[in-house]
Amino acid sequence: MATVRKEIIKGKLDKSWLDDVPEDKVFWCHDGGVVKNLEELFNALRKMSGDTYHYHASRKKNDFSSWIRDVIGDAALAGELVKTATKTAAAHKVEMRLHSLQASF
């Protein structure tokens, strides 16, 4: 498990959340796609099939949320993704976070 950063605890945004993750921490989609950062996740969510989304996100698990929490380090966005039921809603949450990060840095 990733170490929780002070920025997360204090609720601050972290510029590193926009960066590519290390190669050994990329998100491998069920359909073979690879995601290295939040922008790529946003684009992947918009384009992926419903089957691929539901493979990774269900009532019992949410791989996107876990990856964002454990690898990216954004606990707030991870918490929001757990609440989403559709890939459209998930893409919207990621897009909103991207806009807030890009506007802050």
PDB file of N, CA and C in Angstrom:
ATOM      1  N   MET A   1       0.830  -1.185   0.000  1.00  0.00           N
ATOM      2  CA  MET A   1       0.000   0.000   0.000  1.00  0.00           C
ATOM      3  C   MET A   1       0.874   1.248   0.000  1.00  0.00           C
ATOM      4  N   ALA A   2       0.406   2.273  -0.679  1.00  0.00           N
ATOM      5  CA  ALA A   2       1.144   3.527  -0.773  1.00  0.00           C
ATOM      6  C   ALA A   2       1.073   4.269   0.545  1.00  0.00           C
ATOM      7  N   THR A   3       2.087   5.050   0.787  1.00  0.00           N
ATOM      8  CA  THR A   3       2.121   5.889   1.970  1.00  0.00           C
ATOM      9  C   THR A   3       1.205   7.082   1.754  1.00  0.00           C
ATOM     10  N   VAL A   4       0.428   7.434   2.751  1.00  0.00           N
ATOM     11  CA  VAL A   4      -0.459   8.582   2.646  1.00  0.00           C
ATOM     12  C   VAL A   4       0.369   9.853   2.798  1.00  0.00           C
ATOM     13  N   ARG A   5       0.242  10.761   1.850  1.00  0.00           N
ATOM     14  CA  ARG A   5       0.997  12.011   1.882  1.00  0.00           C
ATOM     15  C   ARG A   5       0.306  13.036   2.768  1.00  0.00           C
ATOM     16  N   LYS A   6       1.080  13.987   3.282  1.00  0.00           N
ATOM     17  CA  LYS A   6       0.516  15.066   4.088  1.00  0.00           C
ATOM     18  C   LYS A   6      -0.515  15.863   3.304  1.00  0.00           C
ATOM     19  N   GLU A   7      -0.293  16.024   1.995  1.00  0.00           N
ATOM     20  CA  GLU A   7      -1.218  16.808   1.182  1.00  0.00           C
ATOM     21  C   GLU A   7      -2.616  16.206   1.200  1.00  0.00           C
ATOM     22  N   ILE A   8      -2.697  14.894   1.222  1.00  0.00           N
ATOM     23  CA  ILE A   8      -3.994  14.218   1.229  1.00  0.00           C
ATOM     24  C   ILE A   8      -4.689  14.464   2.556  1.00  0.00           C
ATOM     25  N   ILE A   9      -3.956  14.319   3.627  1.00  0.00           N
ATOM     26  CA  ILE A   9      -4.527  14.495   4.954  1.00  0.00           C
ATOM     27  C   ILE A   9      -5.072  15.910   5.117  1.00  0.00           C
ATOM     28  N   LYS A  10      -4.337  16.891   4.607  1.00  0.00           N
ATOM     29  CA  LYS A  10      -4.754  18.276   4.739  1.00  0.00           C
ATOM     30  C   LYS A  10      -5.767  18.692   3.675  1.00  0.00           C
ATOM     31  N   GLY A  11      -6.029  17.834   2.693  1.00  0.00           N
ATOM     32  CA  GLY A  11      -6.982  18.148   1.656  1.00  0.00           C
ATOM     33  C   GLY A  11      -6.431  19.054   0.566  1.00  0.00           C
ATOM     34  N   LYS A  12      -5.141  19.195   0.486  1.00  0.00           N
ATOM     35  CA  LYS A  12      -4.525  20.042  -0.534  1.00  0.00           C
ATOM     36  C   LYS A  12      -4.348  19.270  -1.828  1.00  0.00           C
ATOM     37  N   LEU A  13      -4.283  20.019  -2.909  1.00  0.00           N
ATOM     38  CA  LEU A  13      -4.013  19.420  -4.207  1.00  0.00           C
ATOM     39  C   LEU A  13      -2.508  19.262  -4.369  1.00  0.00           C
ATOM     40  N   ASP A  14      -2.106  18.277  -5.116  1.00  0.00           N
ATOM     41  CA  ASP A  14      -0.689  17.997  -5.336  1.00  0.00           C
ATOM     42  C   ASP A  14      -0.423  17.983  -6.832  1.00  0.00           C
ATOM     43  N   LYS A  15       0.507  18.811  -7.281  1.00  0.00           N
ATOM     44  CA  LYS A  15       0.824  18.901  -8.707  1.00  0.00           C
ATOM     45  C   LYS A  15       1.251  17.550  -9.281  1.00  0.00           C
ATOM     46  N   SER A  16       1.877  16.714  -8.466  1.00  0.00           N
ATOM     47  CA  SER A  16       2.350  15.416  -8.957  1.00  0.00           C
ATOM     48  C   SER A  16       1.199  14.512  -9.402  1.00  0.00           C
ATOM     49  N   TRP A  17      -0.021  14.815  -9.003  1.00  0.00           N
ATOM     50  CA  TRP A  17      -1.167  14.005  -9.413  1.00  0.00           C
ATOM     51  C   TRP A  17      -1.401  14.085 -10.922  1.00  0.00           C
ATOM     52  N   LEU A  18      -0.802  15.077 -11.574  1.00  0.00           N
ATOM     53  CA  LEU A  18      -0.928  15.221 -13.028  1.00  0.00           C
ATOM     54  C   LEU A  18       0.143  14.440 -13.783  1.00  0.00           C
ATOM     55  N   ASP A  19       1.178  14.029 -13.078  1.00  0.00           N
ATOM     56  CA  ASP A  19       2.326  13.373 -13.710  1.00  0.00           C
ATOM     57  C   ASP A  19       2.038  11.919 -14.079  1.00  0.00           C
ATOM     58  N   ASP A  20       2.862  11.398 -14.993  1.00  0.00           N
ATOM     59  CA  ASP A  20       2.842   9.961 -15.281  1.00  0.00           C
ATOM     60  C   ASP A  20       3.320   9.203 -14.056  1.00  0.00           C
ATOM     61  N   VAL A  21       2.727   8.061 -13.814  1.00  0.00           N
ATOM     62  CA  VAL A  21       3.178   7.198 -12.726  1.00  0.00           C
ATOM     63  C   VAL A  21       4.364   6.370 -13.224  1.00  0.00           C
ATOM     64  N   PRO A  22       5.159   5.804 -12.312  1.00  0.00           N
ATOM     65  CA  PRO A  22       6.249   4.926 -12.754  1.00  0.00           C
ATOM     66  C   PRO A  22       5.696   3.754 -13.578  1.00  0.00           C
ATOM     67  N   GLU A  23       6.529   3.245 -14.466  1.00  0.00           N
ATOM     68  CA  GLU A  23       6.083   2.166 -15.365  1.00  0.00           C
ATOM     69  C   GLU A  23       5.512   0.958 -14.633  1.00  0.00           C
ATOM     70  N   ASP A  24       6.041   0.664 -13.452  1.00  0.00           N
ATOM     71  CA  ASP A  24       5.554  -0.505 -12.716  1.00  0.00           C
ATOM     72  C   ASP A  24       4.250  -0.235 -11.965  1.00  0.00           C
ATOM     73  N   LYS A  25       3.707   0.991 -12.092  1.00  0.00           N
ATOM     74  CA  LYS A  25       2.467   1.359 -11.401  1.00  0.00           C
ATOM     75  C   LYS A  25       1.348   1.751 -12.362  1.00  0.00           C
ATOM     76  N   VAL A  26       1.553   1.541 -13.678  1.00  0.00           N
ATOM     77  CA  VAL A  26       0.511   1.905 -14.639  1.00  0.00           C
ATOM     78  C   VAL A  26      -0.729   1.050 -14.409  1.00  0.00           C
ATOM     79  N   PHE A  27      -1.864   1.559 -14.866  1.00  0.00           N
ATOM     80  CA  PHE A  27      -3.129   0.834 -14.764  1.00  0.00           C
ATOM     81  C   PHE A  27      -3.331   0.071 -16.060  1.00  0.00           C
ATOM     82  N   TRP A  28      -3.474  -1.228 -15.946  1.00  0.00           N
ATOM     83  CA  TRP A  28      -3.724  -2.086 -17.107  1.00  0.00           C
ATOM     84  C   TRP A  28      -5.210  -2.372 -17.183  1.00  0.00           C
ATOM     85  N   CYS A  29      -5.840  -1.880 -18.231  1.00  0.00           N
ATOM     86  CA  CYS A  29      -7.271  -2.115 -18.439  1.00  0.00           C
ATOM     87  C   CYS A  29      -7.508  -3.531 -18.960  1.00  0.00           C
ATOM     88  N   HIS A  30      -8.669  -4.028 -18.660  1.00  0.00           N
ATOM     89  CA  HIS A  30      -9.092  -5.355 -19.095  1.00  0.00           C
ATOM     90  C   HIS A  30      -9.027  -5.501 -20.612  1.00  0.00           C
ATOM     91  N   ASP A  31      -9.244  -4.395 -21.329  1.00  0.00           N
ATOM     92  CA  ASP A  31      -9.230  -4.426 -22.796  1.00  0.00           C
ATOM     93  C   ASP A  31      -7.830  -4.253 -23.378  1.00  0.00           C
ATOM     94  N   GLY A  32      -6.806  -4.216 -22.529  1.00  0.00           N
ATOM     95  CA  GLY A  32      -5.426  -4.094 -22.990  1.00  0.00           C
ATOM     96  C   GLY A  32      -4.873  -2.689 -22.958  1.00  0.00           C
ATOM     97  N   GLY A  33      -5.702  -1.704 -22.698  1.00  0.00           N
ATOM     98  CA  GLY A  33      -5.239  -0.322 -22.612  1.00  0.00           C
ATOM     99  C   GLY A  33      -4.371  -0.103 -21.387  1.00  0.00           C
ATOM    100  N   VAL A  34      -3.483   0.867 -21.497  1.00  0.00           N
ATOM    101  CA  VAL A  34      -2.587   1.214 -20.397  1.00  0.00           C
ATOM    102  C   VAL A  34      -2.798   2.685 -20.059  1.00  0.00           C
ATOM    103  N   VAL A  35      -2.915   2.987 -18.768  1.00  0.00           N
ATOM    104  CA  VAL A  35      -3.141   4.353 -18.295  1.00  0.00           C
ATOM    105  C   VAL A  35      -1.986   4.741 -17.386  1.00  0.00           C
ATOM    106  N   LYS A  36      -1.376   5.914 -17.685  1.00  0.00           N
ATOM    107  CA  LYS A  36      -0.214   6.375 -16.923  1.00  0.00           C
ATOM    108  C   LYS A  36      -0.479   7.610 -16.072  1.00  0.00           C
ATOM    109  N   ASN A  37      -1.633   8.267 -16.276  1.00  0.00           N
ATOM    110  CA  ASN A  37      -1.911   9.493 -15.527  1.00  0.00           C
ATOM    111  C   ASN A  37      -3.417   9.766 -15.559  1.00  0.00           C
ATOM    112  N   LEU A  38      -3.830  10.817 -14.847  1.00  0.00           N
ATOM    113  CA  LEU A  38      -5.260  11.117 -14.755  1.00  0.00           C
ATOM    114  C   LEU A  38      -5.869  11.503 -16.101  1.00  0.00           C
ATOM    115  N   GLU A  39      -5.138  12.234 -16.908  1.00  0.00           N
ATOM    116  CA  GLU A  39      -5.685  12.618 -18.211  1.00  0.00           C
ATOM    117  C   GLU A  39      -5.920  11.389 -19.088  1.00  0.00           C
ATOM    118  N   GLU A  40      -4.983  10.457 -19.054  1.00  0.00           N
ATOM    119  CA  GLU A  40      -5.172   9.221 -19.818  1.00  0.00           C
ATOM    120  C   GLU A  40      -6.337   8.409 -19.258  1.00  0.00           C
ATOM    121  N   LEU A  41      -6.524   8.436 -17.946  1.00  0.00           N
ATOM    122  CA  LEU A  41      -7.669   7.728 -17.367  1.00  0.00           C
ATOM    123  C   LEU A  41      -8.972   8.363 -17.844  1.00  0.00           C
ATOM    124  N   PHE A  42      -9.029   9.671 -17.851  1.00  0.00           N
ATOM    125  CA  PHE A  42     -10.223  10.363 -18.341  1.00  0.00           C
ATOM    126  C   PHE A  42     -10.531   9.931 -19.777  1.00  0.00           C
ATOM    127  N   ASN A  43      -9.531   9.969 -20.638  1.00  0.00           N
ATOM    128  CA  ASN A  43      -9.732   9.585 -22.037  1.00  0.00           C
ATOM    129  C   ASN A  43     -10.114   8.109 -22.171  1.00  0.00           C
ATOM    130  N   ALA A  44      -9.494   7.261 -21.367  1.00  0.00           N
ATOM    131  CA  ALA A  44      -9.815   5.829 -21.412  1.00  0.00           C
ATOM    132  C   ALA A  44     -11.256   5.579 -20.972  1.00  0.00           C
ATOM    133  N   LEU A  45     -11.681   6.250 -19.902  1.00  0.00           N
ATOM    134  CA  LEU A  45     -13.050   6.074 -19.424  1.00  0.00           C
ATOM    135  C   LEU A  45     -14.067   6.493 -20.481  1.00  0.00           C
ATOM    136  N   ARG A  46     -13.793   7.564 -21.188  1.00  0.00           N
ATOM    137  CA  ARG A  46     -14.722   8.029 -22.219  1.00  0.00           C
ATOM    138  C   ARG A  46     -14.841   7.041 -23.366  1.00  0.00           C
ATOM    139  N   LYS A  47     -13.754   6.345 -23.681  1.00  0.00           N
ATOM    140  CA  LYS A  47     -13.725   5.476 -24.860  1.00  0.00           C
ATOM    141  C   LYS A  47     -14.000   4.000 -24.571  1.00  0.00           C
ATOM    142  N   MET A  48     -13.797   3.556 -23.345  1.00  0.00           N
ATOM    143  CA  MET A  48     -13.893   2.121 -23.065  1.00  0.00           C
ATOM    144  C   MET A  48     -15.335   1.621 -23.127  1.00  0.00           C
ATOM    145  N   SER A  49     -15.449   0.358 -23.373  1.00  0.00           N
ATOM    146  CA  SER A  49     -16.778  -0.259 -23.421  1.00  0.00           C
ATOM    147  C   SER A  49     -17.360  -0.363 -22.011  1.00  0.00           C
ATOM    148  N   GLY A  50     -18.656  -0.501 -21.981  1.00  0.00           N
ATOM    149  CA  GLY A  50     -19.322  -0.714 -20.698  1.00  0.00           C
ATOM    150  C   GLY A  50     -18.840  -1.981 -20.020  1.00  0.00           C
ATOM    151  N   ASP A  51     -18.571  -3.017 -20.808  1.00  0.00           N
ATOM    152  CA  ASP A  51     -18.072  -4.276 -20.241  1.00  0.00           C
ATOM    153  C   ASP A  51     -16.727  -4.082 -19.552  1.00  0.00           C
ATOM    154  N   THR A  52     -15.843  -3.332 -20.199  1.00  0.00           N
ATOM    155  CA  THR A  52     -14.533  -3.079 -19.587  1.00  0.00           C
ATOM    156  C   THR A  52     -14.695  -2.262 -18.318  1.00  0.00           C
ATOM    157  N   TYR A  53     -15.540  -1.242 -18.349  1.00  0.00           N
ATOM    158  CA  TYR A  53     -15.758  -0.438 -17.146  1.00  0.00           C
ATOM    159  C   TYR A  53     -16.267  -1.319 -16.011  1.00  0.00           C
ATOM    160  N   HIS A  54     -17.270  -2.132 -16.290  1.00  0.00           N
ATOM    161  CA  HIS A  54     -17.860  -2.965 -15.235  1.00  0.00           C
ATOM    162  C   HIS A  54     -16.943  -4.093 -14.778  1.00  0.00           C
ATOM    163  N   TYR A  55     -15.983  -4.463 -15.594  1.00  0.00           N
ATOM    164  CA  TYR A  55     -14.976  -5.420 -15.149  1.00  0.00           C
ATOM    165  C   TYR A  55     -14.159  -4.808 -14.003  1.00  0.00           C
ATOM    166  N   HIS A  56     -13.871  -3.529 -14.111  1.00  0.00           N
ATOM    167  CA  HIS A  56     -13.032  -2.839 -13.126  1.00  0.00           C
ATOM    168  C   HIS A  56     -13.826  -2.167 -12.012  1.00  0.00           C
ATOM    169  N   ALA A  57     -15.091  -1.891 -12.244  1.00  0.00           N
ATOM    170  CA  ALA A  57     -15.884  -1.154 -11.255  1.00  0.00           C
ATOM    171  C   ALA A  57     -17.238  -1.818 -11.065  1.00  0.00           C
ATOM    172  N   SER A  58     -17.481  -2.257  -9.846  1.00  0.00           N
ATOM    173  CA  SER A  58     -18.747  -2.892  -9.505  1.00  0.00           C
ATOM    174  C   SER A  58     -19.103  -2.508  -8.071  1.00  0.00           C
ATOM    175  N   ARG A  59     -20.160  -3.107  -7.561  1.00  0.00           N
ATOM    176  CA  ARG A  59     -20.536  -2.839  -6.160  1.00  0.00           C
ATOM    177  C   ARG A  59     -19.483  -3.351  -5.185  1.00  0.00           C
ATOM    178  N   LYS A  60     -18.750  -4.374  -5.592  1.00  0.00           N
ATOM    179  CA  LYS A  60     -17.777  -5.003  -4.693  1.00  0.00           C
ATOM    180  C   LYS A  60     -16.372  -4.430  -4.787  1.00  0.00           C
ATOM    181  N   LYS A  61     -16.043  -3.799  -5.922  1.00  0.00           N
ATOM    182  CA  LYS A  61     -14.680  -3.279  -6.083  1.00  0.00           C
ATOM    183  C   LYS A  61     -14.694  -2.115  -7.066  1.00  0.00           C
ATOM    184  N   ASN A  62     -13.648  -1.308  -6.984  1.00  0.00           N
ATOM    185  CA  ASN A  62     -13.459  -0.253  -7.974  1.00  0.00           C
ATOM    186  C   ASN A  62     -11.951  -0.104  -8.169  1.00  0.00           C
ATOM    187  N   ASP A  63     -11.453  -0.748  -9.204  1.00  0.00           N
ATOM    188  CA  ASP A  63     -10.018  -0.724  -9.487  1.00  0.00           C
ATOM    189  C   ASP A  63      -9.521   0.681  -9.799  1.00  0.00           C
ATOM    190  N   PHE A  64     -10.355   1.504 -10.430  1.00  0.00           N
ATOM    191  CA  PHE A  64      -9.951   2.876 -10.751  1.00  0.00           C
ATOM    192  C   PHE A  64      -9.733   3.668  -9.467  1.00  0.00           C
ATOM    193  N   SER A  65     -10.667   3.553  -8.557  1.00  0.00           N
ATOM    194  CA  SER A  65     -10.558   4.232  -7.271  1.00  0.00           C
ATOM    195  C   SER A  65      -9.316   3.767  -6.511  1.00  0.00           C
ATOM    196  N   SER A  66      -9.097   2.469  -6.476  1.00  0.00           N
ATOM    197  CA  SER A  66      -7.922   1.935  -5.762  1.00  0.00           C
ATOM    198  C   SER A  66      -6.626   2.449  -6.368  1.00  0.00           C
ATOM    199  N   TRP A  67      -6.549   2.481  -7.692  1.00  0.00           N
ATOM    200  CA  TRP A  67      -5.342   2.961  -8.373  1.00  0.00           C
ATOM    201  C   TRP A  67      -5.111   4.441  -8.073  1.00  0.00           C
ATOM    202  N   ILE A  68      -6.159   5.228  -8.118  1.00  0.00           N
ATOM    203  CA  ILE A  68      -6.014   6.662  -7.842  1.00  0.00           C
ATOM    204  C   ILE A  68      -5.600   6.890  -6.395  1.00  0.00           C
ATOM    205  N   ARG A  69      -6.156   6.148  -5.480  1.00  0.00           N
ATOM    206  CA  ARG A  69      -5.797   6.296  -4.071  1.00  0.00           C
ATOM    207  C   ARG A  69      -4.374   5.805  -3.811  1.00  0.00           C
ATOM    208  N   ASP A  70      -4.063   4.605  -4.266  1.00  0.00           N
ATOM    209  CA  ASP A  70      -2.803   3.961  -3.906  1.00  0.00           C
ATOM    210  C   ASP A  70      -1.607   4.387  -4.750  1.00  0.00           C
ATOM    211  N   VAL A  71      -1.843   4.769  -5.993  1.00  0.00           N
ATOM    212  CA  VAL A  71      -0.737   5.106  -6.890  1.00  0.00           C
ATOM    213  C   VAL A  71      -0.648   6.613  -7.118  1.00  0.00           C
ATOM    214  N   ILE A  72      -1.750   7.236  -7.510  1.00  0.00           N
ATOM    215  CA  ILE A  72      -1.751   8.684  -7.739  1.00  0.00           C
ATOM    216  C   ILE A  72      -1.641   9.411  -6.400  1.00  0.00           C
ATOM    217  N   GLY A  73      -2.389   8.966  -5.406  1.00  0.00           N
ATOM    218  CA  GLY A  73      -2.343   9.576  -4.082  1.00  0.00           C
ATOM    219  C   GLY A  73      -3.476  10.532  -3.794  1.00  0.00           C
ATOM    220  N   ASP A  74      -4.504  10.545  -4.622  1.00  0.00           N
ATOM    221  CA  ASP A  74      -5.634  11.469  -4.466  1.00  0.00           C
ATOM    222  C   ASP A  74      -6.802  10.738  -3.803  1.00  0.00           C
ATOM    223  N   ALA A  75      -6.818  10.773  -2.489  1.00  0.00           N
ATOM    224  CA  ALA A  75      -7.845  10.056  -1.728  1.00  0.00           C
ATOM    225  C   ALA A  75      -9.243  10.625  -1.961  1.00  0.00           C
ATOM    226  N   ALA A  76      -9.345  11.936  -2.152  1.00  0.00           N
ATOM    227  CA  ALA A  76     -10.658  12.553  -2.359  1.00  0.00           C
ATOM    228  C   ALA A  76     -11.279  12.080  -3.676  1.00  0.00           C
ATOM    229  N   LEU A  77     -10.519  12.105  -4.749  1.00  0.00           N
ATOM    230  CA  LEU A  77     -11.037  11.629  -6.030  1.00  0.00           C
ATOM    231  C   LEU A  77     -11.350  10.138  -5.953  1.00  0.00           C
ATOM    232  N   ALA A  78     -10.506   9.380  -5.305  1.00  0.00           N
ATOM    233  CA  ALA A  78     -10.764   7.944  -5.140  1.00  0.00           C
ATOM    234  C   ALA A  78     -12.100   7.715  -4.444  1.00  0.00           C
ATOM    235  N   GLY A  79     -12.367   8.498  -3.418  1.00  0.00           N
ATOM    236  CA  GLY A  79     -13.632   8.386  -2.699  1.00  0.00           C
ATOM    237  C   GLY A  79     -14.827   8.727  -3.567  1.00  0.00           C
ATOM    238  N   GLU A  80     -14.663   9.716  -4.433  1.00  0.00           N
ATOM    239  CA  GLU A  80     -15.739  10.084  -5.354  1.00  0.00           C
ATOM    240  C   GLU A  80     -16.006   8.980  -6.366  1.00  0.00           C
ATOM    241  N   LEU A  81     -14.954   8.342  -6.856  1.00  0.00           N
ATOM    242  CA  LEU A  81     -15.135   7.288  -7.861  1.00  0.00           C
ATOM    243  C   LEU A  81     -15.844   6.069  -7.298  1.00  0.00           C
ATOM    244  N   VAL A  82     -15.652   5.793  -6.037  1.00  0.00           N
ATOM    245  CA  VAL A  82     -16.348   4.654  -5.418  1.00  0.00           C
ATOM    246  C   VAL A  82     -17.863   4.843  -5.497  1.00  0.00           C
ATOM    247  N   LYS A  83     -18.303   6.091  -5.483  1.00  0.00           N
ATOM    248  CA  LYS A  83     -19.738   6.401  -5.492  1.00  0.00           C
ATOM    249  C   LYS A  83     -20.358   6.387  -6.890  1.00  0.00           C
ATOM    250  N   THR A  84     -19.542   6.310  -7.928  1.00  0.00           N
ATOM    251  CA  THR A  84     -20.077   6.387  -9.285  1.00  0.00           C
ATOM    252  C   THR A  84     -20.525   5.007  -9.778  1.00  0.00           C
ATOM    253  N   ALA A  85     -21.592   5.011 -10.563  1.00  0.00           N
ATOM    254  CA  ALA A  85     -22.138   3.745 -11.073  1.00  0.00           C
ATOM    255  C   ALA A  85     -21.923   3.575 -12.566  1.00  0.00           C
ATOM    256  N   THR A  86     -21.520   4.643 -13.248  1.00  0.00           N
ATOM    257  CA  THR A  86     -21.354   4.562 -14.695  1.00  0.00           C
ATOM    258  C   THR A  86     -20.006   5.120 -15.116  1.00  0.00           C
ATOM    259  N   LYS A  87     -19.562   4.711 -16.279  1.00  0.00           N
ATOM    260  CA  LYS A  87     -18.292   5.215 -16.786  1.00  0.00           C
ATOM    261  C   LYS A  87     -18.399   6.692 -17.128  1.00  0.00           C
ATOM    262  N   THR A  88     -19.584   7.139 -17.539  1.00  0.00           N
ATOM    263  CA  THR A  88     -19.785   8.559 -17.831  1.00  0.00           C
ATOM    264  C   THR A  88     -19.622   9.392 -16.563  1.00  0.00           C
ATOM    265  N   ALA A  89     -20.203   8.939 -15.476  1.00  0.00           N
ATOM    266  CA  ALA A  89     -20.074   9.648 -14.200  1.00  0.00           C
ATOM    267  C   ALA A  89     -18.623   9.618 -13.713  1.00  0.00           C
ATOM    268  N   ALA A  90     -17.960   8.491 -13.873  1.00  0.00           N
ATOM    269  CA  ALA A  90     -16.560   8.379 -13.466  1.00  0.00           C
ATOM    270  C   ALA A  90     -15.687   9.319 -14.294  1.00  0.00           C
ATOM    271  N   ALA A  91     -15.914   9.341 -15.599  1.00  0.00           N
ATOM    272  CA  ALA A  91     -15.144  10.234 -16.474  1.00  0.00           C
ATOM    273  C   ALA A  91     -15.370  11.688 -16.072  1.00  0.00           C
ATOM    274  N   HIS A  92     -16.591  12.023 -15.716  1.00  0.00           N
ATOM    275  CA  HIS A  92     -16.904  13.398 -15.303  1.00  0.00           C
ATOM    276  C   HIS A  92     -16.143  13.759 -14.021  1.00  0.00           C
ATOM    277  N   LYS A  93     -16.111  12.860 -13.056  1.00  0.00           N
ATOM    278  CA  LYS A  93     -15.376  13.112 -11.803  1.00  0.00           C
ATOM    279  C   LYS A  93     -13.892  13.330 -12.078  1.00  0.00           C
ATOM    280  N   VAL A  94     -13.321  12.496 -12.929  1.00  0.00           N
ATOM    281  CA  VAL A  94     -11.897  12.630 -13.260  1.00  0.00           C
ATOM    282  C   VAL A  94     -11.668  13.939 -14.010  1.00  0.00           C
ATOM    283  N   GLU A  95     -12.562  14.270 -14.926  1.00  0.00           N
ATOM    284  CA  GLU A  95     -12.428  15.522 -15.686  1.00  0.00           C
ATOM    285  C   GLU A  95     -12.475  16.737 -14.752  1.00  0.00           C
ATOM    286  N   MET A  96     -13.386  16.733 -13.807  1.00  0.00           N
ATOM    287  CA  MET A  96     -13.496  17.852 -12.865  1.00  0.00           C
ATOM    288  C   MET A  96     -12.219  17.994 -12.032  1.00  0.00           C
ATOM    289  N   ARG A  97     -11.650  16.868 -11.613  1.00  0.00           N
ATOM    290  CA  ARG A  97     -10.406  16.921 -10.846  1.00  0.00           C
ATOM    291  C   ARG A  97      -9.264  17.437 -11.720  1.00  0.00           C
ATOM    292  N   LEU A  98      -9.218  16.996 -12.956  1.00  0.00           N
ATOM    293  CA  LEU A  98      -8.189  17.491 -13.878  1.00  0.00           C
ATOM    294  C   LEU A  98      -8.276  19.004 -14.022  1.00  0.00           C
ATOM    295  N   HIS A  99      -9.485  19.520 -14.216  1.00  0.00           N
ATOM    296  CA  HIS A  99      -9.658  20.964 -14.363  1.00  0.00           C
ATOM    297  C   HIS A  99      -9.201  21.705 -13.115  1.00  0.00           C
ATOM    298  N   SER A 100      -9.546  21.181 -11.950  1.00  0.00           N
ATOM    299  CA  SER A 100      -9.140  21.871 -10.716  1.00  0.00           C
ATOM    300  C   SER A 100      -7.625  21.808 -10.523  1.00  0.00           C
ATOM    301  N   LEU A 101      -7.011  20.708 -10.877  1.00  0.00           N
ATOM    302  CA  LEU A 101      -5.547  20.602 -10.780  1.00  0.00           C
ATOM    303  C   LEU A 101      -4.856  21.526 -11.776  1.00  0.00           C
ATOM    304  N   GLN A 102      -5.330  21.527 -13.002  1.00  0.00           N
ATOM    305  CA  GLN A 102      -4.714  22.343 -14.039  1.00  0.00           C
ATOM    306  C   GLN A 102      -4.867  23.828 -13.728  1.00  0.00           C
ATOM    307  N   ALA A 103      -5.995  24.215 -13.133  1.00  0.00           N
ATOM    308  CA  ALA A 103      -6.220  25.613 -12.779  1.00  0.00           C
ATOM    309  C   ALA A 103      -5.361  26.036 -11.588  1.00  0.00           C
ATOM    310  N   SER A 104      -4.994  25.073 -10.750  1.00  0.00           N
ATOM    311  CA  SER A 104      -4.224  25.383  -9.541  1.00  0.00           C
ATOM    312  C   SER A 104      -2.734  25.484  -9.788  1.00  0.00           C
ATOM    313  N   PHE A 105      -2.264  24.871 -10.876  1.00  0.00           N
ATOM    314  CA  PHE A 105      -0.803  24.831 -11.089  1.00  0.00           C
ATOM    315  C   PHE A 105      -0.424  25.410 -12.408  1.00  0.00           C
TER     316      PHE A 105
END
